[in-house]
């Protein structure tokens, strides 16, 4: 977890044993997705408490990293974040239509850097994702179509995890028997996804399975 290039002077990470009553398998990105969610949401909370926007708060945190060994990670993270903000018109977010909002996050994992800006519309309990701008810095991209598909698939899976999918246990057994009890994202719910790769001659790095 502490591999992320945030500039935090005092950080501690703890784990504890938890008894699993069912078999636990690997999740996409080998659990790195949970770290990304934790980092992104906590950065939002820090920004809210500091009365700053999320992009400014993230840049402040990166700028606090004075470790010269992390300089490249900081630079590439900030570059991806800046491009996501630009592509999504982050500076104009206050002029969005009623009930619409824009969220942004950046994450470093498997030596790759990804920033995403997501525009959503919220009406009561109904949440609709309208558009996603994904900025990817994974070094030299050898197959653009395959790499873009990875990011589009990540958006589908992330939306499904947040909005739909849930495994229910009762008396030690899984309740869900088929897709009528495990609703996945439908094609009509799919937002527009704009994937932009930062051109680089750096070594190709990870984009998932």
Protein backbone atom coordinates (compact mmCIF):
# COMPACT_ATOMS: atom_id res chain seq x y z
CA UNK A 1 0.00 0.00 0.00
CA UNK A 2 2.79 2.43 0.90
CA UNK A 3 4.20 2.00 -2.61
CA UNK A 4 1.86 4.77 -3.74
CA UNK A 5 3.78 8.05 -4.33
CA UNK A 6 1.72 10.14 -1.91
CA UNK A 7 3.80 12.49 0.19
CA UNK A 8 2.55 11.57 3.67
CA UNK A 9 5.07 12.00 6.46
CA UNK A 10 3.54 9.50 8.86
CA UNK A 11 1.72 6.46 7.50
CA UNK A 12 0.99 3.08 9.03
CA UNK A 13 -0.67 0.08 7.45
CA UNK A 14 -2.03 -2.82 9.49
CA UNK A 15 -3.64 -6.13 8.63
CA UNK A 16 -5.50 -8.56 10.82
CA UNK A 17 -6.57 -12.15 10.44
CA UNK A 18 -10.21 -12.77 9.57
CA UNK A 19 -11.82 -16.20 9.50
CA UNK A 20 -13.25 -16.93 6.06
CA UNK A 21 -16.28 -19.23 6.08
CA UNK A 22 -16.14 -19.72 2.34
CA UNK A 23 -13.46 -19.95 -0.30
CA UNK A 24 -12.08 -16.55 -1.35
CA UNK A 25 -10.73 -16.20 -4.88
CA UNK A 26 -8.69 -13.53 -6.57
CA UNK A 27 -10.38 -10.36 -7.72
CA UNK A 28 -9.40 -8.37 -10.81
CA UNK A 29 -6.09 -6.50 -10.31
CA UNK A 30 -5.26 -8.82 -7.39
CA UNK A 31 -6.99 -6.58 -4.82
CA UNK A 32 -5.22 -3.41 -5.98
CA UNK A 33 -8.70 -2.12 -6.86
CA UNK A 34 -9.57 -1.86 -3.16
CA UNK A 35 -6.48 0.25 -2.49
CA UNK A 36 -7.43 2.53 -5.37
CA UNK A 37 -10.91 3.02 -3.90
CA UNK A 38 -9.47 3.71 -0.44
CA UNK A 39 -6.91 6.22 -1.73
CA UNK A 40 -9.42 8.01 -3.96
CA UNK A 41 -12.22 8.36 -1.44
CA UNK A 42 -9.87 9.40 1.36
CA UNK A 43 -8.33 12.08 -0.87
CA UNK A 44 -11.87 13.37 -1.43
CA UNK A 45 -12.50 13.45 2.32
CA UNK A 46 -9.26 15.33 2.92
CA UNK A 47 -10.15 17.82 0.19
CA UNK A 48 -13.59 18.38 1.71
CA UNK A 49 -12.15 19.00 5.18
CA UNK A 50 -9.50 21.36 3.76
CA UNK A 51 -12.11 23.15 1.60
CA UNK A 52 -10.12 22.38 -1.55
CA UNK A 53 -11.07 20.66 -4.77
CA UNK A 54 -9.80 17.10 -5.20
CA UNK A 55 -7.30 17.89 -7.96
CA UNK A 56 -5.66 20.60 -5.85
CA UNK A 57 -5.56 18.32 -2.81
CA UNK A 58 -3.99 15.45 -4.76
CA UNK A 59 -1.35 17.74 -6.23
CA UNK A 60 -0.56 19.07 -2.76
CA UNK A 61 -0.11 15.53 -1.46
CA UNK A 62 2.15 14.58 -4.35
CA UNK A 63 4.20 17.76 -3.93
CA UNK A 64 4.81 16.79 -0.31
CA UNK A 65 6.76 13.75 -1.47
CA UNK A 66 10.42 14.83 -1.25
CA UNK A 67 11.81 11.34 -1.84
CA UNK A 68 14.01 11.64 -4.94
CA UNK A 69 13.47 7.94 -5.67
CA UNK A 70 9.76 8.67 -6.06
CA UNK A 71 10.21 11.72 -8.30
CA UNK A 72 9.26 9.90 -11.50
CA UNK A 73 6.20 8.34 -9.87
CA UNK A 74 5.08 11.75 -8.64
CA UNK A 75 5.63 13.36 -12.03
CA UNK A 76 3.76 10.69 -13.97
CA UNK A 77 0.89 10.60 -11.47
CA UNK A 78 0.46 14.37 -11.66
CA UNK A 79 0.65 14.31 -15.45
CA UNK A 80 -2.12 11.72 -15.70
CA UNK A 81 -4.23 13.64 -13.19
CA UNK A 82 -3.76 16.93 -15.06
CA UNK A 83 -4.78 15.38 -18.37
CA UNK A 84 -7.88 13.77 -16.83
CA UNK A 85 -8.86 17.16 -15.39
CA UNK A 86 -8.35 18.82 -18.77
CA UNK A 87 -10.23 16.22 -20.81
CA UNK A 88 -13.21 16.21 -18.44
CA UNK A 89 -13.40 20.01 -18.11
CA UNK A 90 -12.84 19.73 -14.37
CA UNK A 91 -12.50 23.51 -14.04
CA UNK A 92 -16.04 23.92 -15.41
CA UNK A 93 -17.66 21.28 -13.16
CA UNK A 94 -19.78 23.86 -11.31
CA UNK A 95 -21.62 24.63 -14.56
CA UNK A 96 -22.87 21.08 -15.06
CA UNK A 97 -26.64 20.54 -15.36
CA UNK A 98 -28.72 20.01 -12.23
CA UNK A 99 -28.10 16.71 -10.41
CA UNK A 100 -24.87 16.08 -12.30
CA UNK A 101 -21.41 15.90 -10.76
CA UNK A 102 -17.83 15.08 -11.65
CA UNK A 103 -15.47 12.88 -9.67
CA UNK A 104 -11.77 12.34 -10.27
CA UNK A 105 -9.08 9.99 -8.97
CA UNK A 106 -5.60 8.75 -9.86
CA UNK A 107 -3.91 5.51 -8.91
CA UNK A 108 -0.49 3.88 -9.28
CA UNK A 109 -0.38 0.10 -9.52
CA UNK A 110 1.82 -2.49 -11.25
CA UNK A 111 4.10 0.36 -12.38
CA UNK A 112 1.28 1.98 -14.37
CA UNK A 113 -0.53 5.26 -13.75
CA UNK A 114 -4.25 5.72 -14.38
CA UNK A 115 -6.42 8.76 -13.76
CA UNK A 116 -10.17 8.75 -14.32
CA UNK A 117 -12.76 11.49 -14.30
CA UNK A 118 -16.36 10.30 -14.10
CA UNK A 119 -19.48 12.37 -14.80
CA UNK A 120 -22.62 11.10 -13.10
CA UNK A 121 -26.24 12.07 -12.70
CA UNK A 122 -28.02 11.37 -9.42
CA UNK A 123 -31.79 11.41 -9.00
CA UNK A 124 -32.72 10.05 -5.58
CA UNK A 125 -31.38 6.49 -5.41
CA UNK A 126 -30.91 6.34 -9.18
CA UNK A 127 -27.26 6.81 -10.17
CA UNK A 128 -26.35 7.02 -13.84
CA UNK A 129 -22.78 7.18 -15.10
CA UNK A 130 -22.76 9.40 -18.19
CA UNK A 131 -19.14 9.65 -19.31
CA UNK A 132 -15.69 8.48 -18.26
CA UNK A 133 -12.35 10.00 -19.27
CA UNK A 134 -9.52 7.55 -18.62
CA UNK A 135 -5.88 8.63 -18.87
CA UNK A 136 -3.33 5.82 -18.95
CA UNK A 137 0.44 5.94 -18.62
CA UNK A 138 1.65 2.37 -18.96
CA UNK A 139 4.81 2.98 -20.94
CA UNK A 140 4.97 1.85 -24.55
CA UNK A 141 1.59 0.51 -25.71
CA UNK A 142 2.02 -2.38 -28.14
CA UNK A 143 -1.67 -3.11 -28.82
CA UNK A 144 -3.84 -0.01 -28.41
CA UNK A 145 -7.16 -1.81 -29.02
CA UNK A 146 -6.45 -4.47 -26.40
CA UNK A 147 -5.18 -1.89 -23.90
CA UNK A 148 -8.25 0.30 -24.43
CA UNK A 149 -10.50 -2.73 -23.97
CA UNK A 150 -8.83 -3.37 -20.62
CA UNK A 151 -9.77 0.10 -19.45
CA UNK A 152 -13.32 -0.17 -20.78
CA UNK A 153 -13.66 -3.50 -19.01
CA UNK A 154 -12.35 -1.92 -15.82
CA UNK A 155 -15.08 0.73 -16.04
CA UNK A 156 -17.76 -1.96 -16.48
CA UNK A 157 -16.46 -3.98 -13.56
CA UNK A 158 -16.06 -0.96 -11.30
CA UNK A 159 -19.60 0.20 -12.05
CA UNK A 160 -20.96 -3.30 -11.50
CA UNK A 161 -19.19 -3.57 -8.15
CA UNK A 162 -20.44 -0.16 -7.00
CA UNK A 163 -24.00 -0.33 -8.30
CA UNK A 164 -25.12 -3.92 -8.87
CA UNK A 165 -23.21 -7.03 -7.95
CA UNK A 166 -23.39 -8.52 -4.48
CA UNK A 167 -22.86 -12.04 -3.16
CA UNK A 168 -25.25 -12.90 -0.33
CA UNK A 169 -24.52 -15.62 2.24
CA UNK A 170 -27.04 -17.35 4.46
CA UNK A 171 -26.30 -20.24 6.85
CA UNK A 172 -22.83 -20.61 5.38
CA UNK A 173 -23.97 -20.89 1.76
CA UNK A 174 -24.24 -18.51 -1.17
CA UNK A 175 -27.83 -17.44 -1.81
CA UNK A 176 -27.31 -16.21 -5.39
CA UNK A 177 -28.04 -19.04 -7.83
CA UNK A 178 -28.02 -17.20 -11.16
CA UNK A 179 -28.08 -13.79 -12.80
CA UNK A 180 -31.62 -13.03 -11.62
CA UNK A 181 -30.07 -12.71 -8.15
CA UNK A 182 -26.76 -11.28 -9.34
CA UNK A 183 -27.61 -8.44 -11.75
CA UNK A 184 -24.70 -7.34 -13.92
CA UNK A 185 -24.36 -4.11 -15.86
CA UNK A 186 -26.52 -3.91 -19.01
CA UNK A 187 -25.47 -2.42 -22.34
CA UNK A 188 -27.96 0.45 -21.97
CA UNK A 189 -26.23 1.47 -18.73
CA UNK A 190 -22.79 1.67 -20.32
CA UNK A 191 -21.39 5.22 -20.35
CA UNK A 192 -19.25 6.78 -23.03
CA UNK A 193 -15.64 5.86 -22.21
CA UNK A 194 -12.81 7.97 -23.63
CA UNK A 195 -9.43 6.26 -23.24
CA UNK A 196 -6.28 8.31 -23.81
CA UNK A 197 -2.78 6.81 -23.64
CA UNK A 198 0.17 9.03 -22.79
CA UNK A 199 2.79 8.47 -25.46
CA UNK A 200 5.96 7.07 -23.94
CA UNK A 201 9.09 5.13 -24.80
CA UNK A 202 9.24 3.71 -21.28
CA UNK A 203 9.02 -0.04 -20.75
CA UNK A 204 5.52 -1.47 -21.09
CA UNK A 205 3.92 -2.07 -17.69
CA UNK A 206 0.80 -3.71 -16.27
CA UNK A 207 -2.80 -3.17 -17.33
CA UNK A 208 -4.37 -6.21 -15.69
CA UNK A 209 -5.15 -9.73 -16.77
